Amino acid sequence: MKRLVQQLMDLNRVHSELFVGQKTARDRHHANHPTNIAAFKCMDGRINLASLTETPIGIIRPFRNIGGIFDLGWTALNAQLHHYVQTSVEKGRKILFLVTYHFAEGDPHRGCRGHEYDADRAIRSAAKLVEQIRRVFDGDPGIYPIMLGVETDRQKLIFHGRDGKRVETGRIADDIAALRGLIRTSYPDMHPEIVPDLVPLLHGNIRHLAHVSGVQPAPEDQEHKERTIAIGQGFEWLPHNWALAINDLELTLDDTIGKAAGIIKDNIRARRINPRDKGLLLASVPYETGGYERRLAIERARHLQQLGQESIEKFHADLRSFFEPLTAIMNWQTRRLEVID
């Protein structure tokens, strides 16, 4: 278990150093592309949009839950979203919401477990959230949601236009002017200031596809092999198939933790992971300043750890000895993890 914790801390250290080192790149990106971007996505670690779009870490604000299933009526999500939109508007920024779903063309069972590997069901769920966002913000063209598919085998993106047509990054030319025209055609009601800020995501994924072309991971490396449940915020640094990340946003968080534990139990049954090896139950909460904000983060992290343990006991009592607890907070300015318990 010490080895697993040390591996986790080493991964976070490398990510933190990369994040700090990319500050100039983030500043340059924000100066050229001021639209704030947030993504609603599944807890599956393969949905790493910074990597898929070759965007500096910290540009895309993630909201994560099993299956990418969200409801803006959830109390915690409602409050976080209100704060995010309010601070964005106060800074004069437009907002682009990426509402994602994912699937695998090579094998449906490498797709989204949260939707029982049913891609059509995942699309319907994402479409429902897109319409909810449009309803809440009254169709404001400066607060704009789009549905985005992520094909995890080839790592391509599928943009769903307002007319229902789909644009796959693997089938379009890497031409900036053409990409702008494509966005305007696909999203005619999008605020014109957002259009050039969406271009880097398409351009970045086209570049990414060229980099990974011909490099086909082994099928077993694309399957669910997670052994860690991560509850809270700030988990973009965890590699794919390493952990199931759950933001503390919904009313029935215990049920989602139970479902995540069920996925890991299936990994054990299928021998994708060794049952003799331990798993981690990681609870982490970010803070931006010291003092009482940091202390509140500690209390929140400890509460989430307790909730995680209680949820596993409730839904999968046979796994209670499999998971070792690790409670931490994260310095949001550096993305560095600090172990508390």
Protein backbone atom coordinates (compact mmCIF):
# COMPACT_ATOMS: atom_id res chain seq x y z
CA MET A 1 0.00 0.00 0.00
CA LYS A 2 2.88 2.38 0.71
CA ARG A 3 4.06 1.76 -2.84
CA LEU A 4 0.65 2.69 -4.24
CA VAL A 5 0.50 5.89 -2.18
CA GLN A 6 4.04 6.79 -3.20
CA GLN A 7 3.14 6.20 -6.84
CA LEU A 8 0.14 8.49 -6.44
CA MET A 9 2.23 11.22 -4.82
CA ASP A 10 4.87 10.94 -7.54
CA LEU A 11 2.19 11.30 -10.22
CA ASN A 12 0.81 14.38 -8.51
CA ARG A 13 4.26 15.92 -8.10
CA VAL A 14 4.98 15.57 -11.82
CA HIS A 15 1.57 17.04 -12.67
CA SER A 16 2.06 19.95 -10.27
CA GLU A 17 5.44 20.77 -11.77
CA LEU A 18 3.93 20.66 -15.25
CA PHE A 19 1.00 22.86 -14.20
CA VAL A 20 3.27 25.48 -12.64
CA GLY A 21 5.58 25.33 -15.64
CA GLN A 22 2.66 25.98 -18.02
CA LYS A 23 1.62 29.28 -16.40
CA THR A 24 2.99 31.34 -19.28
CA ALA A 25 1.19 29.11 -21.79
CA ARG A 26 -2.09 29.50 -19.83
CA ASP A 27 -1.68 33.27 -19.64
CA ARG A 28 -1.01 33.43 -23.38
CA HIS A 29 -4.01 31.20 -24.11
CA HIS A 30 -6.33 33.34 -21.95
CA ALA A 31 -5.04 36.52 -23.58
CA ASN A 32 -5.76 35.17 -27.07
CA HIS A 33 -8.86 33.11 -26.19
CA PRO A 34 -10.69 34.72 -23.22
CA THR A 35 -13.75 32.45 -23.27
CA ASN A 36 -14.01 30.35 -20.11
CA ILE A 37 -14.46 26.66 -20.88
CA ALA A 38 -16.05 24.05 -18.59
CA ALA A 39 -16.68 20.38 -19.30
CA PHE A 40 -19.30 18.03 -17.91
CA LYS A 41 -17.86 14.54 -18.22
CA CYS A 42 -17.73 11.00 -16.91
CA MET A 43 -15.52 9.92 -14.02
CA ASP A 44 -13.63 7.71 -16.52
CA GLY A 45 -10.00 8.87 -16.55
CA ARG A 46 -9.73 8.48 -20.34
CA ILE A 47 -11.81 11.66 -20.79
CA ASN A 48 -8.85 13.97 -20.32
CA LEU A 49 -9.73 16.90 -22.56
CA ALA A 50 -6.51 18.80 -21.86
CA SER A 51 -4.56 15.88 -23.30
CA LEU A 52 -7.01 15.18 -26.14
CA THR A 53 -6.96 18.81 -27.29
CA GLU A 54 -3.31 19.54 -26.39
CA THR A 55 -4.50 22.45 -24.26
CA PRO A 56 -2.51 23.79 -21.28
CA ILE A 57 -3.58 22.26 -17.98
CA GLY A 58 -6.13 24.39 -16.15
CA ILE A 59 -7.86 25.92 -19.18
CA ILE A 60 -10.83 23.53 -19.11
CA ARG A 61 -12.77 23.45 -15.82
CA PRO A 62 -14.05 19.89 -15.20
CA PHE A 63 -17.26 18.69 -13.59
CA ARG A 64 -17.19 14.89 -13.22
CA ASN A 65 -19.75 12.25 -12.36
CA ILE A 66 -20.56 8.68 -13.32
CA GLY A 67 -21.70 8.54 -16.94
CA GLY A 68 -21.41 12.32 -17.24
CA ILE A 69 -24.89 12.42 -15.70
CA PHE A 70 -25.79 15.79 -14.15
CA ASP A 71 -28.79 17.82 -13.09
CA LEU A 72 -28.39 21.56 -12.54
CA GLY A 73 -30.93 21.26 -9.72
CA TRP A 74 -28.44 19.40 -7.51
CA THR A 75 -27.70 21.69 -4.58
CA ALA A 76 -23.89 21.57 -4.70
CA LEU A 77 -23.69 21.68 -8.50
CA ASN A 78 -26.21 24.52 -8.60
CA ALA A 79 -24.09 26.58 -6.17
CA GLN A 80 -20.79 25.83 -7.91
CA LEU A 81 -22.21 26.61 -11.33
CA HIS A 82 -23.74 29.86 -10.08
CA HIS A 83 -20.35 30.93 -8.69
CA TYR A 84 -18.54 29.90 -11.89
CA VAL A 85 -20.92 31.82 -14.15
CA GLN A 86 -21.08 34.85 -11.88
CA THR A 87 -17.30 35.25 -11.65
CA SER A 88 -16.95 34.68 -15.40
CA VAL A 89 -19.52 37.35 -16.22
CA GLU A 90 -17.98 39.78 -13.74
CA LYS A 91 -14.67 39.40 -15.59
CA GLY A 92 -16.42 40.03 -18.90
CA ARG A 93 -15.85 36.49 -20.15
CA LYS A 94 -18.11 34.38 -22.31
CA ILE A 95 -18.61 30.71 -21.31
CA LEU A 96 -18.47 27.55 -23.39
CA PHE A 97 -19.88 24.39 -21.79
CA LEU A 98 -18.72 21.07 -23.23
CA VAL A 99 -21.31 18.40 -22.41
CA THR A 100 -19.57 15.12 -23.13
CA TYR A 101 -20.35 11.46 -23.57
CA HIS A 102 -17.93 8.71 -24.55
CA PHE A 103 -17.81 5.40 -26.35
CA ALA A 104 -15.33 3.00 -27.96
CA GLU A 105 -15.68 2.01 -31.62
CA GLY A 106 -13.54 -1.12 -31.27
CA ASP A 107 -15.60 -2.73 -28.51
CA PRO A 108 -18.76 -1.34 -26.83
CA HIS A 109 -17.59 -2.82 -23.53
CA ARG A 110 -14.69 -0.39 -23.49
CA GLY A 111 -17.29 2.38 -23.50
CA CYS A 112 -19.19 4.05 -20.69
CA ARG A 113 -20.07 1.73 -17.83
CA GLY A 114 -22.21 4.49 -16.31
CA HIS A 115 -24.66 4.03 -19.21
CA GLU A 116 -24.24 0.24 -19.35
CA TYR A 117 -22.10 0.67 -22.51
CA ASP A 118 -25.13 2.09 -24.37
CA ALA A 119 -23.83 4.98 -26.48
CA ASP A 120 -27.32 6.07 -27.57
CA ARG A 121 -28.38 6.32 -23.94
CA ALA A 122 -25.29 8.41 -23.17
CA ILE A 123 -26.12 10.73 -26.08
CA ARG A 124 -29.69 11.20 -24.84
CA SER A 125 -28.38 12.04 -21.37
CA ALA A 126 -25.94 14.61 -22.77
CA ALA A 127 -28.63 16.13 -25.00
CA LYS A 128 -30.89 16.54 -21.97
CA LEU A 129 -28.18 18.44 -20.10
CA VAL A 130 -27.50 20.67 -23.12
CA GLU A 131 -31.16 21.64 -23.24
CA GLN A 132 -31.25 22.23 -19.48
CA ILE A 133 -28.29 24.62 -19.73
CA ARG A 134 -29.94 26.45 -22.62
CA ARG A 135 -33.17 26.71 -20.63
CA VAL A 136 -31.48 28.00 -17.48
CA PHE A 137 -29.49 30.65 -19.34
CA ASP A 138 -32.40 31.48 -21.65
CA GLY A 139 -30.50 30.75 -24.83
CA ASP A 140 -27.87 33.42 -24.08
CA PRO A 141 -25.40 33.13 -26.99
CA GLY A 142 -22.56 34.15 -24.64
CA ILE A 143 -23.20 31.15 -22.35
CA TYR A 144 -23.19 28.35 -24.85
CA PRO A 145 -23.43 24.54 -24.40
CA ILE A 146 -22.41 22.03 -27.05
CA MET A 147 -22.58 18.25 -27.04
CA LEU A 148 -19.20 16.61 -27.52
CA GLY A 149 -18.57 12.92 -28.09
CA VAL A 150 -15.25 11.33 -27.13
CA GLU A 151 -14.26 8.16 -28.98
CA THR A 152 -11.69 6.66 -26.65
CA ASP A 153 -10.07 4.06 -28.93
CA ARG A 154 -8.76 6.55 -31.51
CA GLN A 155 -9.13 9.56 -29.16
CA LYS A 156 -11.13 11.61 -31.65
CA LEU A 157 -13.87 14.13 -30.84
CA ILE A 158 -17.38 14.34 -32.30
CA PHE A 159 -19.06 17.75 -32.27
CA HIS A 160 -22.86 17.70 -32.44
CA GLY A 161 -24.19 20.73 -34.31
CA ARG A 162 -27.44 22.54 -33.63
CA ASP A 163 -28.89 20.99 -36.78
CA GLY A 164 -28.14 17.47 -35.51
CA LYS A 165 -25.23 16.91 -37.88
CA ARG A 166 -22.00 15.52 -36.43
CA VAL A 167 -18.48 16.63 -37.19
CA GLU A 168 -15.62 14.22 -36.41
CA THR A 169 -12.15 15.68 -36.00
CA GLY A 170 -10.66 12.69 -37.78
CA ARG A 171 -12.47 13.69 -40.97
CA ILE A 172 -11.78 17.43 -41.28
CA ALA A 173 -8.82 19.39 -42.57
CA ASP A 174 -6.42 21.18 -40.24
CA ASP A 175 -7.16 24.65 -41.61
CA ILE A 176 -7.96 27.47 -39.15
CA ALA A 177 -10.19 29.45 -41.53
CA ALA A 178 -12.10 26.30 -42.49
CA LEU A 179 -12.53 25.34 -38.82
CA ARG A 180 -14.00 28.76 -38.03
CA GLY A 181 -16.43 28.42 -40.90
CA LEU A 182 -17.37 24.92 -39.76
CA ILE A 183 -18.11 26.17 -36.23
CA ARG A 184 -20.26 29.04 -37.52
CA THR A 185 -22.23 26.60 -39.68
CA SER A 186 -22.65 24.06 -36.88
CA TYR A 187 -23.55 26.64 -34.21
CA PRO A 188 -25.17 29.61 -35.96
CA ASP A 189 -26.51 31.05 -32.68
CA MET A 190 -23.11 30.95 -30.91
CA HIS A 191 -21.73 34.33 -29.85
CA PRO A 192 -19.14 35.37 -32.46
CA GLU A 193 -16.54 35.96 -29.74
CA ILE A 194 -16.71 32.28 -28.71
CA VAL A 195 -16.12 30.94 -32.22
CA PRO A 196 -12.35 31.67 -32.39
CA ASP A 197 -11.95 30.28 -28.85
CA LEU A 198 -13.47 26.93 -29.84
CA VAL A 199 -11.09 26.60 -32.80
CA PRO A 200 -8.05 25.60 -30.64
CA LEU A 201 -9.95 22.58 -29.30
CA LEU A 202 -10.66 21.22 -32.79
CA HIS A 203 -7.20 22.19 -34.01
CA GLY A 204 -5.60 20.62 -30.92
CA ASN A 205 -7.43 17.33 -31.30
CA ILE A 206 -6.55 17.12 -35.00
CA ARG A 207 -2.91 17.62 -33.98
CA HIS A 208 -3.29 15.03 -31.22
CA LEU A 209 -4.71 12.48 -33.66
CA ALA A 210 -1.69 12.95 -35.89
CA HIS A 211 0.62 12.35 -32.92
CA VAL A 212 -1.11 9.12 -31.84
CA SER A 213 -1.81 7.83 -35.35
CA GLY A 214 -0.43 4.34 -35.75
CA VAL A 215 0.17 4.00 -32.00
CA GLN A 216 -2.53 1.55 -31.00
CA PRO A 217 -2.64 0.72 -27.28
CA ALA A 218 -3.15 -2.90 -26.34
CA PRO A 219 -6.88 -3.67 -25.85
CA GLU A 220 -6.27 -4.63 -22.22
CA ASP A 221 -4.83 -1.15 -21.60
CA GLN A 222 -8.10 0.40 -22.79
CA GLU A 223 -10.31 -1.62 -20.47
CA HIS A 224 -11.50 -0.62 -17.03
CA LYS A 225 -8.69 -1.49 -14.61
CA GLU A 226 -9.33 1.11 -11.92
CA ARG A 227 -8.56 0.26 -8.30
CA THR A 228 -9.01 3.74 -6.78
CA ILE A 229 -12.10 5.80 -6.00
CA ALA A 230 -11.35 9.52 -5.84
CA ILE A 231 -14.02 11.72 -4.24
CA GLY A 232 -14.00 15.52 -4.26
CA GLN A 233 -12.26 17.86 -6.70
CA GLY A 234 -8.97 18.21 -8.56
CA PHE A 235 -8.28 14.79 -10.12
CA GLU A 236 -7.27 15.69 -13.69
CA TRP A 237 -3.73 14.50 -12.94
CA LEU A 238 -4.75 10.88 -12.39
CA PRO A 239 -3.87 8.72 -15.43
CA HIS A 240 -6.58 6.85 -17.31
CA ASN A 241 -7.74 3.51 -15.93
CA TRP A 242 -6.11 4.40 -12.61
CA ALA A 243 -9.06 5.86 -10.71
CA LEU A 244 -12.77 6.62 -10.87
CA ALA A 245 -13.16 10.32 -10.02
CA ILE A 246 -16.40 11.60 -8.50
CA ASN A 247 -16.99 15.30 -7.84
CA ASP A 248 -19.02 15.99 -4.70
CA LEU A 249 -21.90 17.59 -6.59
CA GLU A 250 -25.00 15.42 -6.38
CA LEU A 251 -27.61 14.66 -3.76
CA THR A 252 -27.13 10.88 -3.87
CA LEU A 253 -23.34 10.84 -3.68
CA ASP A 254 -23.39 7.64 -1.65
CA ASP A 255 -25.15 5.82 -4.49
CA THR A 256 -22.55 6.99 -7.02
CA ILE A 257 -19.72 5.87 -4.73
CA GLY A 258 -21.45 2.50 -4.48
CA LYS A 259 -21.61 2.24 -8.28
CA ALA A 260 -17.91 3.11 -8.55
CA ALA A 261 -17.11 0.39 -6.02
CA GLY A 262 -19.20 -2.00 -8.12
CA ILE A 263 -17.07 -1.23 -11.19
CA ILE A 264 -13.93 -2.01 -9.21
CA LYS A 265 -15.50 -5.22 -7.94
CA ASP A 266 -16.12 -6.20 -11.57
CA ASN A 267 -12.46 -5.43 -12.31
CA ILE A 268 -11.48 -7.85 -9.56
CA ARG A 269 -13.89 -10.55 -10.77
CA ALA A 270 -12.60 -10.23 -14.34
CA ARG A 271 -9.02 -10.37 -13.00
CA ARG A 272 -8.19 -7.07 -14.63
CA ILE A 273 -6.69 -6.23 -11.25
CA ASN A 274 -5.23 -8.52 -8.63
CA PRO A 275 -7.56 -8.89 -5.63
CA ARG A 276 -4.53 -9.34 -3.36
CA ASP A 277 -3.45 -5.79 -4.20
CA LYS A 278 -5.12 -3.04 -2.23
CA GLY A 279 -7.15 -0.16 -3.62
CA LEU A 280 -7.34 3.45 -2.50
CA LEU A 281 -10.26 5.52 -1.31
CA LEU A 282 -8.95 9.03 -1.94
CA ALA A 283 -10.82 12.10 -0.70
CA SER A 284 -9.44 15.46 -1.77
CA VAL A 285 -10.72 19.06 -1.62
CA PRO A 286 -8.96 22.09 -3.15
CA TYR A 287 -8.30 25.42 -1.48
CA GLU A 288 -6.94 28.70 -2.88
CA THR A 289 -5.86 30.62 0.21
CA GLY A 290 -4.66 29.67 3.67
CA GLY A 291 -6.35 30.28 7.00
CA TYR A 292 -9.91 29.18 7.52
CA GLU A 293 -10.40 28.28 3.82
CA ARG A 294 -7.69 25.66 4.09
CA ARG A 295 -9.10 24.39 7.37
CA LEU A 296 -12.58 24.17 5.84
CA ALA A 297 -11.10 22.10 3.00
CA ILE A 298 -9.62 19.72 5.57
CA GLU A 299 -12.98 19.28 7.28
CA ARG A 300 -14.71 18.72 3.93
CA ALA A 301 -12.10 16.16 2.85
CA ARG A 302 -12.49 14.24 6.11
CA HIS A 303 -16.27 14.26 5.70
CA LEU A 304 -15.98 12.89 2.16
CA GLN A 305 -13.61 10.17 3.35
CA GLN A 306 -16.11 9.12 6.01
CA LEU A 307 -18.95 9.19 3.47
CA GLY A 308 -16.89 7.07 1.09
CA GLN A 309 -16.21 4.43 3.71
CA GLU A 310 -19.85 4.37 4.80
CA SER A 311 -21.05 4.06 1.20
CA ILE A 312 -18.75 1.13 0.47
CA GLU A 313 -19.91 -0.55 3.68
CA LYS A 314 -23.53 0.06 2.64
CA PHE A 315 -23.34 -1.22 -0.96
CA HIS A 316 -20.31 -3.52 -1.04
CA ALA A 317 -19.40 -4.54 2.48
CA ASP A 318 -17.12 -7.28 1.12
CA LEU A 319 -14.82 -4.56 -0.25
CA ARG A 320 -14.31 -2.66 3.01
CA SER A 321 -10.93 -4.30 3.61
CA PHE A 322 -9.86 -3.77 -0.03
CA PHE A 323 -9.84 0.03 0.13
CA GLU A 324 -7.25 1.91 2.14
CA PRO A 325 -8.26 5.48 3.06
CA LEU A 326 -6.21 8.50 2.02
CA THR A 327 -7.42 12.00 2.87
CA ALA A 328 -5.86 15.07 1.28
CA ILE A 329 -6.33 18.68 0.27
CA MET A 330 -4.98 20.36 -2.85
CA ASN A 331 -3.35 23.76 -3.25
CA TRP A 332 -5.26 25.03 -6.26
CA GLN A 333 -2.52 27.50 -7.17
CA THR A 334 0.01 24.71 -7.69
CA ARG A 335 -2.24 21.59 -7.98
CA ARG A 336 -0.04 20.01 -5.28
CA LEU A 337 -1.63 17.38 -3.05
CA GLU A 338 -1.17 17.58 0.73
CA VAL A 339 -1.92 14.41 2.69
CA ILE A 340 -3.92 15.03 5.88
CA ASP A 341 -4.77 11.52 7.07
